[in-house]
Protein backbone atom coordinates (compact mmCIF):
# COMPACT_ATOMS: atom_id res chain seq x y z
CA MET A 1 65.72 30.80 150.64
CA LEU A 2 64.70 31.89 147.15
CA TRP A 3 62.55 34.83 148.26
CA PRO A 4 65.37 37.16 149.45
CA MET A 5 67.23 36.64 146.16
CA ARG A 6 64.10 37.31 144.09
CA ARG A 7 63.34 40.39 146.19
CA ARG A 8 66.83 41.80 145.61
CA ARG A 9 66.48 41.21 141.86
CA PHE A 10 63.09 42.90 141.88
CA PHE A 11 64.41 46.03 143.58
CA ARG A 12 67.43 46.21 141.27
CA LEU A 13 65.13 46.02 138.24
CA PHE A 14 62.76 48.59 139.76
CA ALA A 15 65.64 51.01 140.36
CA LEU A 16 66.69 50.74 136.72
CA LEU A 17 63.18 51.35 135.48
CA VAL A 18 62.52 54.46 137.58
CA ALA A 19 66.02 55.94 137.44
CA PRO A 20 66.26 59.15 135.42
CA PRO A 21 68.41 59.22 132.24
CA TRP A 22 71.38 60.80 134.00
CA ALA A 23 71.60 58.10 136.67
CA ALA A 24 73.76 55.74 134.62
CA ALA A 25 76.39 58.44 134.33
CA GLN A 26 76.65 59.32 138.02
CA GLY A 27 79.81 58.15 139.74
CA GLU A 28 81.35 56.96 136.46
CA ALA A 29 84.31 58.44 134.65
CA PRO A 30 83.19 60.35 131.56
CA PRO A 31 83.16 58.57 128.21
CA ALA A 32 85.59 59.58 125.49
CA PRO A 33 84.56 63.14 124.55
CA GLN A 34 82.93 64.11 121.30
CA LEU A 35 85.58 65.88 119.21
CA ALA A 36 85.18 68.28 116.30
CA ARG A 37 86.49 68.18 112.77
CA SER A 38 87.51 71.36 110.94
CA TYR A 39 84.92 73.30 108.96
CA ARG A 40 85.56 73.12 105.20
CA GLY A 41 82.50 74.91 103.80
CA GLY A 42 79.81 73.70 101.46
CA LEU A 43 77.19 73.01 104.15
CA HIS A 44 73.49 73.82 104.26
CA LEU A 45 74.02 76.06 107.26
CA PRO A 46 70.37 76.34 108.43
CA ASP A 47 70.72 72.67 109.49
CA TRP A 48 73.38 73.62 112.04
CA LEU A 49 73.46 75.38 115.41
CA VAL A 50 76.45 77.69 115.90
CA SER A 51 78.13 78.99 119.05
CA GLU A 52 81.35 80.65 120.13
CA LYS A 53 84.24 78.25 120.75
CA TYR A 54 85.39 78.74 124.33
CA ASP A 55 89.09 78.35 125.07
CA GLY A 56 88.82 76.61 128.42
CA VAL A 57 89.29 73.24 130.10
CA ARG A 58 86.98 70.54 128.77
CA ALA A 59 84.93 69.05 131.59
CA TRP A 60 82.04 66.65 132.22
CA TRP A 61 79.43 67.04 134.96
CA ASP A 62 77.94 63.64 135.82
CA GLY A 63 75.19 65.00 138.08
CA GLN A 64 77.38 64.85 141.18
CA ALA A 65 80.96 65.83 140.32
CA LEU A 66 83.13 67.42 137.64
CA TYR A 67 85.65 65.37 135.65
CA SER A 68 88.32 66.23 133.10
CA ARG A 69 88.19 64.68 129.65
CA THR A 70 90.78 62.12 130.82
CA GLY A 71 88.53 61.03 133.71
CA ARG A 72 90.28 62.81 136.60
CA ARG A 73 87.90 64.26 139.17
CA LEU A 74 88.33 68.04 139.21
CA PRO A 75 88.74 69.85 142.55
CA ALA A 76 85.73 72.14 142.29
CA PRO A 77 84.68 73.70 145.62
CA ALA A 78 81.27 72.60 146.88
CA TRP A 79 79.83 76.11 146.45
CA PHE A 80 80.80 76.10 142.77
CA THR A 81 78.54 73.16 141.85
CA GLU A 82 75.85 73.71 144.50
CA GLY A 83 72.37 73.52 142.98
CA TRP A 84 73.47 72.22 139.59
CA PRO A 85 71.00 69.87 137.86
CA ARG A 86 71.44 66.16 138.35
CA MET A 87 71.96 65.45 134.67
CA ALA A 88 75.11 64.81 132.67
CA LEU A 89 76.53 67.96 131.03
CA ASP A 90 79.45 68.40 128.65
CA GLY A 91 81.17 71.77 128.54
CA GLU A 92 84.16 74.00 129.25
CA LEU A 93 85.49 75.49 132.45
CA TRP A 94 86.02 79.04 131.22
CA ALA A 95 87.60 82.13 132.74
CA GLY A 96 86.88 84.48 129.83
CA ARG A 97 88.54 85.26 126.53
CA GLY A 98 92.30 85.06 126.69
CA ALA A 99 92.33 83.55 130.19
CA PHE A 100 92.94 79.86 129.46
CA GLU A 101 95.85 79.67 131.91
CA GLN A 102 93.58 80.75 134.79
CA ALA A 103 91.11 77.96 134.06
CA GLN A 104 93.85 75.38 133.61
CA SER A 105 95.60 76.42 136.84
CA ALA A 106 92.40 76.02 138.88
CA ALA A 107 91.54 72.65 137.34
CA ALA A 108 95.09 71.28 137.70
CA ARG A 109 95.23 71.71 141.49
CA GLN A 110 94.86 68.65 143.68
CA GLN A 111 92.73 70.42 146.31
CA PRO A 112 89.83 72.89 145.95
CA ASP A 113 91.00 76.51 145.94
CA ASP A 114 88.21 79.06 146.34
CA ALA A 115 90.26 81.97 145.01
CA ALA A 116 91.29 80.06 141.87
CA TRP A 117 87.68 79.11 141.07
CA ARG A 118 86.08 82.52 141.71
CA GLY A 119 86.49 83.70 138.14
CA LEU A 120 85.38 80.46 136.45
CA ARG A 121 82.10 79.41 134.88
CA PHE A 122 81.08 76.06 133.46
CA MET A 123 79.82 76.73 129.93
CA ALA A 124 77.62 73.73 129.11
CA PHE A 125 77.01 72.94 125.46
CA ASP A 126 75.47 69.45 125.51
CA ALA A 127 73.45 67.05 127.65
CA PRO A 128 74.76 63.74 126.27
CA ARG A 129 72.63 61.39 128.40
CA HIS A 130 69.31 63.10 127.82
CA GLY A 131 66.68 61.01 126.06
CA GLY A 132 68.85 58.13 124.90
CA PRO A 133 71.54 57.69 122.22
CA ALA A 134 69.36 58.66 119.24
CA THR A 135 68.11 61.98 120.67
CA PRO A 136 69.03 64.86 118.31
CA PHE A 137 71.24 67.70 119.50
CA ALA A 138 68.47 70.32 119.23
CA GLU A 139 66.31 68.32 121.67
CA ARG A 140 69.22 67.78 124.06
CA LEU A 141 69.95 71.50 123.90
CA THR A 142 66.36 72.39 124.84
CA ALA A 143 66.56 70.10 127.88
CA LEU A 144 69.95 71.55 128.86
CA GLN A 145 68.70 75.15 128.66
CA ALA A 146 65.59 74.35 130.70
CA ALA A 147 67.55 72.54 133.43
CA ILE A 148 70.17 75.28 133.71
CA GLY A 149 67.46 77.96 133.73
CA ARG A 150 65.70 76.23 136.62
CA ALA A 151 68.97 75.89 138.54
CA GLY A 152 69.68 79.61 138.28
CA ARG A 153 73.33 79.27 139.31
CA PRO A 154 75.85 81.95 138.19
CA THR A 155 78.65 79.37 137.94
CA LEU A 156 76.68 77.34 135.38
CA GLN A 157 75.64 78.75 132.02
CA ALA A 158 74.29 77.33 128.79
CA VAL A 159 76.41 78.20 125.76
CA PRO A 160 74.31 80.50 123.52
CA GLN A 161 73.47 78.81 120.22
CA ARG A 162 71.97 80.27 117.07
CA ARG A 163 71.40 79.46 113.41
CA VAL A 164 72.96 81.30 110.50
CA ALA A 165 71.57 81.42 106.98
CA THR A 166 74.68 81.92 104.83
CA GLU A 167 78.43 81.45 104.90
CA ALA A 168 78.87 85.22 104.65
CA GLU A 169 76.93 85.59 107.91
CA LEU A 170 79.00 82.83 109.50
CA LEU A 171 82.33 84.41 108.51
CA ALA A 172 81.19 87.84 109.66
CA TRP A 173 80.43 86.37 113.08
CA LEU A 174 83.84 84.66 113.12
CA ARG A 175 85.55 88.01 112.48
CA GLU A 176 83.52 89.64 115.25
CA VAL A 177 84.46 86.92 117.76
CA THR A 178 88.17 86.86 116.92
CA ARG A 179 88.47 90.67 116.94
CA GLY A 180 87.10 90.53 120.49
CA GLY A 181 89.73 88.00 121.56
CA GLY A 182 87.65 84.87 121.03
CA GLU A 183 89.03 81.64 119.58
CA GLY A 184 86.46 80.83 116.90
CA LEU A 185 83.10 79.14 116.33
CA MET A 186 81.57 75.69 116.76
CA LEU A 187 78.94 74.21 114.43
CA HIS A 188 76.76 71.31 115.63
CA ARG A 189 74.28 69.61 113.32
CA ALA A 190 70.85 70.08 114.92
CA ASP A 191 69.60 66.55 114.19
CA ALA A 192 72.79 64.71 115.19
CA PRO A 193 72.80 62.12 117.99
CA TRP A 194 75.61 62.31 120.54
CA GLN A 195 78.64 60.14 119.87
CA SER A 196 82.10 59.95 121.38
CA GLY A 197 85.23 60.47 119.32
CA ARG A 198 85.86 62.58 116.25
CA SER A 199 82.59 63.47 114.53
CA GLY A 200 81.64 65.15 111.28
CA GLN A 201 78.46 66.33 113.01
CA LEU A 202 80.54 68.71 115.15
CA LEU A 203 82.81 71.23 113.42
CA LYS A 204 85.18 73.99 114.51
CA LEU A 205 85.90 77.16 112.56
CA LYS A 206 88.96 79.20 113.51
CA PRO A 207 91.36 81.51 111.69
CA HIS A 208 94.09 78.94 112.43
CA GLU A 209 94.21 75.23 113.22
CA ASP A 210 95.67 73.63 116.33
CA ALA A 211 96.32 70.15 117.64
CA GLU A 212 98.21 68.31 120.38
CA ALA A 213 101.38 66.21 120.34
CA ARG A 214 103.59 64.54 122.94
CA VAL A 215 107.16 65.77 123.54
CA ILE A 216 109.69 63.07 122.52
CA ALA A 217 112.97 64.98 122.84
CA HIS A 218 114.60 68.40 123.26
CA LEU A 219 116.73 69.42 120.30
CA PRO A 220 119.63 71.81 121.04
CA GLY A 221 119.60 75.34 119.71
CA LYS A 222 122.12 77.11 117.51
CA GLY A 223 123.24 80.71 117.19
CA ARG A 224 121.49 82.89 119.76
CA HIS A 225 119.73 79.80 121.10
CA ALA A 226 122.96 77.88 121.68
CA GLY A 227 122.95 76.17 125.06
CA ARG A 228 119.18 76.07 125.34
CA LEU A 229 116.16 74.65 123.51
CA GLY A 230 116.20 74.93 119.74
CA ALA A 231 113.13 72.82 118.99
CA LEU A 232 110.86 70.15 120.41
CA LEU A 233 110.66 66.79 118.71
CA VAL A 234 107.04 65.75 119.11
CA GLN A 235 104.79 62.87 118.12
CA THR A 236 101.11 63.06 117.18
CA PRO A 237 98.55 60.54 118.52
CA GLU A 238 98.79 58.88 115.07
CA GLY A 239 102.54 58.34 115.48
CA ARG A 240 103.86 61.07 113.14
CA ARG A 241 106.95 62.92 114.35
CA PHE A 242 108.02 66.48 113.55
CA ARG A 243 109.75 69.49 115.06
CA ILE A 244 108.31 72.60 116.67
CA GLY A 245 110.93 75.34 116.68
CA SER A 246 109.01 78.61 117.08
CA GLY A 247 106.56 80.21 119.47
CA PHE A 248 108.69 79.81 122.60
CA THR A 249 109.55 82.56 125.05
CA ASP A 250 113.11 82.87 126.33
CA ALA A 251 111.97 81.39 129.64
CA GLN A 252 110.45 78.37 127.86
CA ARG A 253 113.68 77.81 125.93
CA GLU A 254 115.60 77.82 129.22
CA ALA A 255 113.10 75.45 130.89
CA PRO A 256 111.26 73.63 128.06
CA PRO A 257 108.21 71.39 128.46
CA PRO A 258 109.41 68.04 129.83
CA VAL A 259 109.70 64.91 127.72
CA GLY A 260 106.38 63.10 127.88
CA ALA A 261 104.30 66.28 128.24
CA TRP A 262 101.47 67.06 125.84
CA VAL A 263 101.71 70.41 124.08
CA THR A 264 99.28 72.33 121.91
CA TYR A 265 100.60 73.79 118.65
CA ARG A 266 99.18 75.94 115.85
CA TYR A 267 99.71 75.22 112.18
CA ARG A 268 98.60 76.24 108.69
CA GLY A 269 97.35 73.15 106.90
CA LEU A 270 99.18 69.91 106.17
CA HIS A 271 101.98 69.02 103.77
CA GLU A 272 100.83 66.87 100.86
CA GLY A 273 102.20 63.38 101.03
CA SER A 274 103.66 63.41 104.55
CA GLY A 275 100.54 64.84 106.22
CA LEU A 276 102.74 66.77 108.65
CA PRO A 277 101.63 70.22 109.85
CA ARG A 278 102.92 73.29 108.02
CA PHE A 279 104.51 76.13 110.04
CA ALA A 280 103.92 74.47 113.42
CA THR A 281 104.19 76.96 116.30
CA PHE A 282 104.22 76.17 120.03
CA LEU A 283 101.17 77.45 121.91
CA ARG A 284 101.16 75.97 125.43
CA VAL A 285 101.60 72.89 127.64
CA ARG A 286 98.60 70.82 128.62
CA GLU A 287 98.57 70.04 132.32
CA GLU A 288 98.70 66.34 133.17
CA GLY A 289 95.25 64.82 133.66
CA LEU A 290 93.28 67.58 131.88
């Protein structure tokens, strides 16, 4: 009677020992994503790898399927992910500069839509499961580039990374990217291990700052906005409340984002003392589950 139980235990242990690093991630919802802090200067830049910041839908490939950062399985057609490597990849579903809405629309659908996915690419920037939790980013990046190169799939691309020597070079690149319609740059410390949550080893550099908040209420307009939306009352994930009164089209003031929706806003620094954003401007609504 003991032999069948021992045999089952043996095979379970054997499977764990021979399973590749990505196996633990397959079939599981993605962990909390690694999030960037804002670049403030004063770094030894040769220690960092820099790439363009892609304005797309954050996604996680677990080796078998695509998931949003909230853990919802994304409706990618089978042809889109055919031939992708069986390793966990973190990245952005991207439709090109200035085309965020196209990527969000495709990812938000409940069923695969070939036409909606035709213009998308998955821009992979990290292989979080490669080599264990202490593996530095530069080593994970090498593994990612090799795996994607072997796959040779046009829907899957490695985000180009490079080093810069000085802040002047970094800012010149930022100007080049933003003039071309790009959002900004990302800096990732080359020797940093992967970790979920907000990390000082991952930085974003943009000509403006943005963040997300949940809609709490619609505040009525005055003057030419009488009878429609004047401002959104929103709440940050930390519980701070403030108003967003600019950045809306006439159509958005007539049919504002619903209460409970998450919206992205731009701002210019924080007020001293209150910590609330200065000159907050509405940017867009985040689709539920993305």
